[in-house]
């Protein structure tokens, strides 16, 4: 089973195909069995973002167990150096992609394949810098509103 990451935006994210010869972060439109995931997003555009592993499994993620996400609290870098390096590269690539699409915020929903109709287990507002921080991981069933451009507040 694979971890899946969906993104809600106001404009479509440019599509990019995955290639075994040159694996990288990629984006595609939803396929038929993923359509139920749209119901969780306020944004009009919903697309799938895949990691370099061809699915979302190389995004750092935590599995929901016994009512919480133990990996999110106890994630230790260096346990599997190759996997950690891949997760870190995908984490940075995701942050770079979010900056490049010129949105004020992006909605992200990370779940297991086949769970697209399940309601989020947790909703959080986070900053783009949170995604870049060491130790960050997406929670299974976590729905995130990621602030890309900080709100400009002026005093009058």
C-alpha atoms as a PDB file:
ATOM      1  CA  UNK A   1       0.000   0.000   0.000  1.00  0.00           C
ATOM      2  CA  UNK A   2       1.252   3.483  -0.828  1.00  0.00           C
ATOM      3  CA  UNK A   3       1.111   6.853   0.866  1.00  0.00           C
ATOM      4  CA  UNK A   4      -0.701   9.361  -1.347  1.00  0.00           C
ATOM      5  CA  UNK A   5      -0.400  13.143  -1.227  1.00  0.00           C
ATOM      6  CA  UNK A   6      -3.109  15.341  -2.712  1.00  0.00           C
ATOM      7  CA  UNK A   7      -2.926  19.117  -3.120  1.00  0.00           C
ATOM      8  CA  UNK A   8      -5.729  21.633  -3.421  1.00  0.00           C
ATOM      9  CA  UNK A   9      -4.999  24.918  -5.188  1.00  0.00           C
ATOM     10  CA  UNK A  10      -6.847  27.734  -6.951  1.00  0.00           C
ATOM     11  CA  UNK A  11      -5.017  27.073 -10.237  1.00  0.00           C
ATOM     12  CA  UNK A  12      -3.793  23.710 -11.554  1.00  0.00           C
ATOM     13  CA  UNK A  13      -0.222  22.816 -10.671  1.00  0.00           C
ATOM     14  CA  UNK A  14       1.724  22.191 -13.906  1.00  0.00           C
ATOM     15  CA  UNK A  15       1.746  18.468 -14.646  1.00  0.00           C
ATOM     16  CA  UNK A  16       5.021  16.568 -14.655  1.00  0.00           C
ATOM     17  CA  UNK A  17       5.315  12.846 -15.380  1.00  0.00           C
ATOM     18  CA  UNK A  18       7.310  10.429 -13.263  1.00  0.00           C
ATOM     19  CA  UNK A  19      10.158   8.611 -14.988  1.00  0.00           C
ATOM     20  CA  UNK A  20      12.134   5.628 -13.717  1.00  0.00           C
ATOM     21  CA  UNK A  21      15.199   6.923 -15.551  1.00  0.00           C
ATOM     22  CA  UNK A  22      15.000  10.322 -13.843  1.00  0.00           C
ATOM     23  CA  UNK A  23      12.856  10.047 -10.709  1.00  0.00           C
ATOM     24  CA  UNK A  24      11.772  13.335  -9.232  1.00  0.00           C
ATOM     25  CA  UNK A  25       8.756  15.009  -7.706  1.00  0.00           C
ATOM     26  CA  UNK A  26       5.845  14.797 -10.129  1.00  0.00           C
ATOM     27  CA  UNK A  27       2.243  15.972 -10.450  1.00  0.00           C
ATOM     28  CA  UNK A  28      -0.740  14.430 -12.198  1.00  0.00           C
ATOM     29  CA  UNK A  29      -4.485  14.840 -12.435  1.00  0.00           C
ATOM     30  CA  UNK A  30      -6.676  12.608 -10.310  1.00  0.00           C
ATOM     31  CA  UNK A  31      -7.674   9.239 -11.713  1.00  0.00           C
ATOM     32  CA  UNK A  32     -11.227   7.926 -11.425  1.00  0.00           C
ATOM     33  CA  UNK A  33     -10.858   6.022  -8.135  1.00  0.00           C
ATOM     34  CA  UNK A  34      -9.284   9.114  -6.499  1.00  0.00           C
ATOM     35  CA  UNK A  35     -12.190  11.463  -7.291  1.00  0.00           C
ATOM     36  CA  UNK A  36     -13.780  11.099  -3.802  1.00  0.00           C
ATOM     37  CA  UNK A  37     -10.812  12.998  -2.330  1.00  0.00           C
ATOM     38  CA  UNK A  38     -12.119  16.221  -3.935  1.00  0.00           C
ATOM     39  CA  UNK A  39     -14.842  16.385  -1.293  1.00  0.00           C
ATOM     40  CA  UNK A  40     -12.287  17.213   1.412  1.00  0.00           C
ATOM     41  CA  UNK A  41     -10.898  20.305  -0.312  1.00  0.00           C
ATOM     42  CA  UNK A  42     -12.203  23.866  -0.431  1.00  0.00           C
ATOM     43  CA  UNK A  43      -9.879  24.618  -3.364  1.00  0.00           C
ATOM     44  CA  UNK A  44     -11.274  24.130  -6.890  1.00  0.00           C
ATOM     45  CA  UNK A  45      -8.205  22.295  -8.236  1.00  0.00           C
ATOM     46  CA  UNK A  46      -7.106  18.982  -6.707  1.00  0.00           C
ATOM     47  CA  UNK A  47      -4.134  17.008  -7.988  1.00  0.00           C
ATOM     48  CA  UNK A  48      -1.843  14.203  -6.894  1.00  0.00           C
ATOM     49  CA  UNK A  49       1.797  14.917  -6.004  1.00  0.00           C
ATOM     50  CA  UNK A  50       4.140  11.946  -6.160  1.00  0.00           C
ATOM     51  CA  UNK A  51       7.616  11.557  -4.739  1.00  0.00           C
ATOM     52  CA  UNK A  52      10.716  10.156  -6.398  1.00  0.00           C
ATOM     53  CA  UNK A  53       9.597   6.619  -5.461  1.00  0.00           C
ATOM     54  CA  UNK A  54       6.740   6.873  -8.049  1.00  0.00           C
ATOM     55  CA  UNK A  55       4.176   7.076  -5.230  1.00  0.00           C
ATOM     56  CA  UNK A  56       4.157   9.253  -2.116  1.00  0.00           C
ATOM     57  CA  UNK A  57       6.084   6.835   0.080  1.00  0.00           C
ATOM     58  CA  UNK A  58       9.299   8.874  -0.077  1.00  0.00           C
ATOM     59  CA  UNK A  59       7.655  11.887   1.517  1.00  0.00           C
ATOM     60  CA  UNK A  60       8.389  11.728   5.234  1.00  0.00           C
ATOM     61  CA  UNK A  61       5.160  10.466   6.773  1.00  0.00           C
ATOM     62  CA  UNK A  62       3.834   9.071  10.040  1.00  0.00           C
ATOM     63  CA  UNK A  63       1.362   6.204  10.394  1.00  0.00           C
ATOM     64  CA  UNK A  64      -1.668   6.642  12.680  1.00  0.00           C
ATOM     65  CA  UNK A  65      -1.404   4.034  15.465  1.00  0.00           C
ATOM     66  CA  UNK A  66      -3.234   3.682  18.774  1.00  0.00           C
ATOM     67  CA  UNK A  67      -4.785   7.130  18.485  1.00  0.00           C
ATOM     68  CA  UNK A  68      -1.720   9.135  17.454  1.00  0.00           C
ATOM     69  CA  UNK A  69       1.305   9.294  15.113  1.00  0.00           C
ATOM     70  CA  UNK A  70       4.327   7.881  16.992  1.00  0.00           C
ATOM     71  CA  UNK A  71       6.763   8.516  14.125  1.00  0.00           C
ATOM     72  CA  UNK A  72       5.839  12.191  14.137  1.00  0.00           C
ATOM     73  CA  UNK A  73       7.047  12.446  17.725  1.00  0.00           C
ATOM     74  CA  UNK A  74       9.951  10.027  17.640  1.00  0.00           C
ATOM     75  CA  UNK A  75      11.289  10.299  14.104  1.00  0.00           C
ATOM     76  CA  UNK A  76      15.032   9.870  14.282  1.00  0.00           C
ATOM     77  CA  UNK A  77      17.158  10.853  11.354  1.00  0.00           C
ATOM     78  CA  UNK A  78      19.935   8.499  10.352  1.00  0.00           C
ATOM     79  CA  UNK A  79      18.133   5.212  11.052  1.00  0.00           C
ATOM     80  CA  UNK A  80      18.143   4.352   7.341  1.00  0.00           C
ATOM     81  CA  UNK A  81      20.440   6.901   5.772  1.00  0.00           C
ATOM     82  CA  UNK A  82      19.449   6.237   2.149  1.00  0.00           C
ATOM     83  CA  UNK A  83      15.725   6.460   2.899  1.00  0.00           C
ATOM     84  CA  UNK A  84      16.245   9.550   5.082  1.00  0.00           C
ATOM     85  CA  UNK A  85      18.179  11.255   2.281  1.00  0.00           C
ATOM     86  CA  UNK A  86      15.387  10.491  -0.177  1.00  0.00           C
ATOM     87  CA  UNK A  87      12.723  11.754   2.246  1.00  0.00           C
ATOM     88  CA  UNK A  88      14.678  14.945   2.870  1.00  0.00           C
ATOM     89  CA  UNK A  89      15.142  15.554  -0.876  1.00  0.00           C
ATOM     90  CA  UNK A  90      11.419  15.005  -1.501  1.00  0.00           C
ATOM     91  CA  UNK A  91      10.532  17.232   1.444  1.00  0.00           C
ATOM     92  CA  UNK A  92      12.637  20.061  -0.023  1.00  0.00           C
ATOM     93  CA  UNK A  93      11.266  19.450  -3.523  1.00  0.00           C
ATOM     94  CA  UNK A  94       7.702  19.662  -2.176  1.00  0.00           C
ATOM     95  CA  UNK A  95       8.438  22.986  -0.467  1.00  0.00           C
ATOM     96  CA  UNK A  96      10.101  24.307  -3.641  1.00  0.00           C
ATOM     97  CA  UNK A  97       7.093  23.225  -5.731  1.00  0.00           C
ATOM     98  CA  UNK A  98       4.666  24.961  -3.380  1.00  0.00           C
ATOM     99  CA  UNK A  99       6.645  28.203  -3.601  1.00  0.00           C
ATOM    100  CA  UNK A 100       6.790  27.997  -7.405  1.00  0.00           C
ATOM    101  CA  UNK A 101       3.037  27.804  -8.002  1.00  0.00           C
ATOM    102  CA  UNK A 102       2.243  31.350  -6.853  1.00  0.00           C
ATOM    103  CA  UNK A 103      -0.518  30.603  -4.343  1.00  0.00           C
ATOM    104  CA  UNK A 104      -1.126  32.232  -0.952  1.00  0.00           C
ATOM    105  CA  UNK A 105      -1.914  28.861   0.571  1.00  0.00           C
ATOM    106  CA  UNK A 106      -2.170  25.225  -0.493  1.00  0.00           C
ATOM    107  CA  UNK A 107      -4.222  22.427   1.022  1.00  0.00           C
ATOM    108  CA  UNK A 108      -2.465  19.059   1.439  1.00  0.00           C
ATOM    109  CA  UNK A 109      -4.029  15.741   2.383  1.00  0.00           C
ATOM    110  CA  UNK A 110      -1.883  12.646   2.970  1.00  0.00           C
ATOM    111  CA  UNK A 111      -3.577   9.232   3.112  1.00  0.00           C
ATOM    112  CA  UNK A 112      -3.120   5.619   2.081  1.00  0.00           C
ATOM    113  CA  UNK A 113      -4.163   4.550  -1.406  1.00  0.00           C
ATOM    114  CA  UNK A 114      -7.815   3.545  -1.334  1.00  0.00           C
ATOM    115  CA  UNK A 115      -8.696   5.837   1.593  1.00  0.00           C
ATOM    116  CA  UNK A 116      -9.592   8.853  -0.549  1.00  0.00           C
ATOM    117  CA  UNK A 117     -13.157   9.047   0.799  1.00  0.00           C
ATOM    118  CA  UNK A 118     -12.094   8.902   4.477  1.00  0.00           C
ATOM    119  CA  UNK A 119     -12.421  12.115   6.450  1.00  0.00           C
ATOM    120  CA  UNK A 120      -9.209  13.685   7.740  1.00  0.00           C
ATOM    121  CA  UNK A 121      -8.090  12.536  11.189  1.00  0.00           C
ATOM    122  CA  UNK A 122      -6.509  15.901  11.971  1.00  0.00           C
ATOM    123  CA  UNK A 123      -6.507  19.361  10.430  1.00  0.00           C
ATOM    124  CA  UNK A 124      -3.596  21.744  10.887  1.00  0.00           C
ATOM    125  CA  UNK A 125      -2.477  25.128   9.638  1.00  0.00           C
ATOM    126  CA  UNK A 126       1.260  25.188   9.037  1.00  0.00           C
ATOM    127  CA  UNK A 127       3.822  27.425   7.401  1.00  0.00           C
ATOM    128  CA  UNK A 128       5.910  26.547   4.402  1.00  0.00           C
ATOM    129  CA  UNK A 129       8.946  26.649   6.679  1.00  0.00           C
ATOM    130  CA  UNK A 130       7.404  23.829   8.745  1.00  0.00           C
ATOM    131  CA  UNK A 131       7.655  21.576   5.706  1.00  0.00           C
ATOM    132  CA  UNK A 132      11.325  22.473   5.305  1.00  0.00           C
ATOM    133  CA  UNK A 133      12.192  21.820   8.939  1.00  0.00           C
ATOM    134  CA  UNK A 134      14.204  18.699   9.883  1.00  0.00           C
ATOM    135  CA  UNK A 135      12.017  16.065  11.473  1.00  0.00           C
ATOM    136  CA  UNK A 136       8.833  17.214   9.699  1.00  0.00           C
ATOM    137  CA  UNK A 137       6.549  14.461   8.500  1.00  0.00           C
ATOM    138  CA  UNK A 138       3.077  14.323   7.028  1.00  0.00           C
ATOM    139  CA  UNK A 139       0.601  12.566   9.272  1.00  0.00           C
ATOM    140  CA  UNK A 140      -1.513   9.791   7.772  1.00  0.00           C
ATOM    141  CA  UNK A 141      -4.988  11.288   7.539  1.00  0.00           C
ATOM    142  CA  UNK A 142      -3.582  14.771   8.162  1.00  0.00           C
ATOM    143  CA  UNK A 143      -5.139  17.663   6.275  1.00  0.00           C
ATOM    144  CA  UNK A 144      -2.903  20.718   6.120  1.00  0.00           C
ATOM    145  CA  UNK A 145      -3.474  24.300   5.086  1.00  0.00           C
ATOM    146  CA  UNK A 146       0.021  25.481   4.233  1.00  0.00           C
ATOM    147  CA  UNK A 147       0.605  29.223   4.252  1.00  0.00           C
ATOM    148  CA  UNK A 148       2.902  29.963   1.325  1.00  0.00           C
ATOM    149  CA  UNK A 149       2.820  33.764   1.352  1.00  0.00           C
ATOM    150  CA  UNK A 150       2.444  35.298   4.793  1.00  0.00           C
ATOM    151  CA  UNK A 151      -0.556  37.570   5.067  1.00  0.00           C
ATOM    152  CA  UNK A 152       0.334  41.208   4.794  1.00  0.00           C
ATOM    153  CA  UNK A 153      -1.163  43.108   7.702  1.00  0.00           C
ATOM    154  CA  UNK A 154      -0.840  46.867   7.848  1.00  0.00           C
ATOM    155  CA  UNK A 155      -1.542  49.159  10.760  1.00  0.00           C
ATOM    156  CA  UNK A 156      -3.640  52.235  10.077  1.00  0.00           C
END
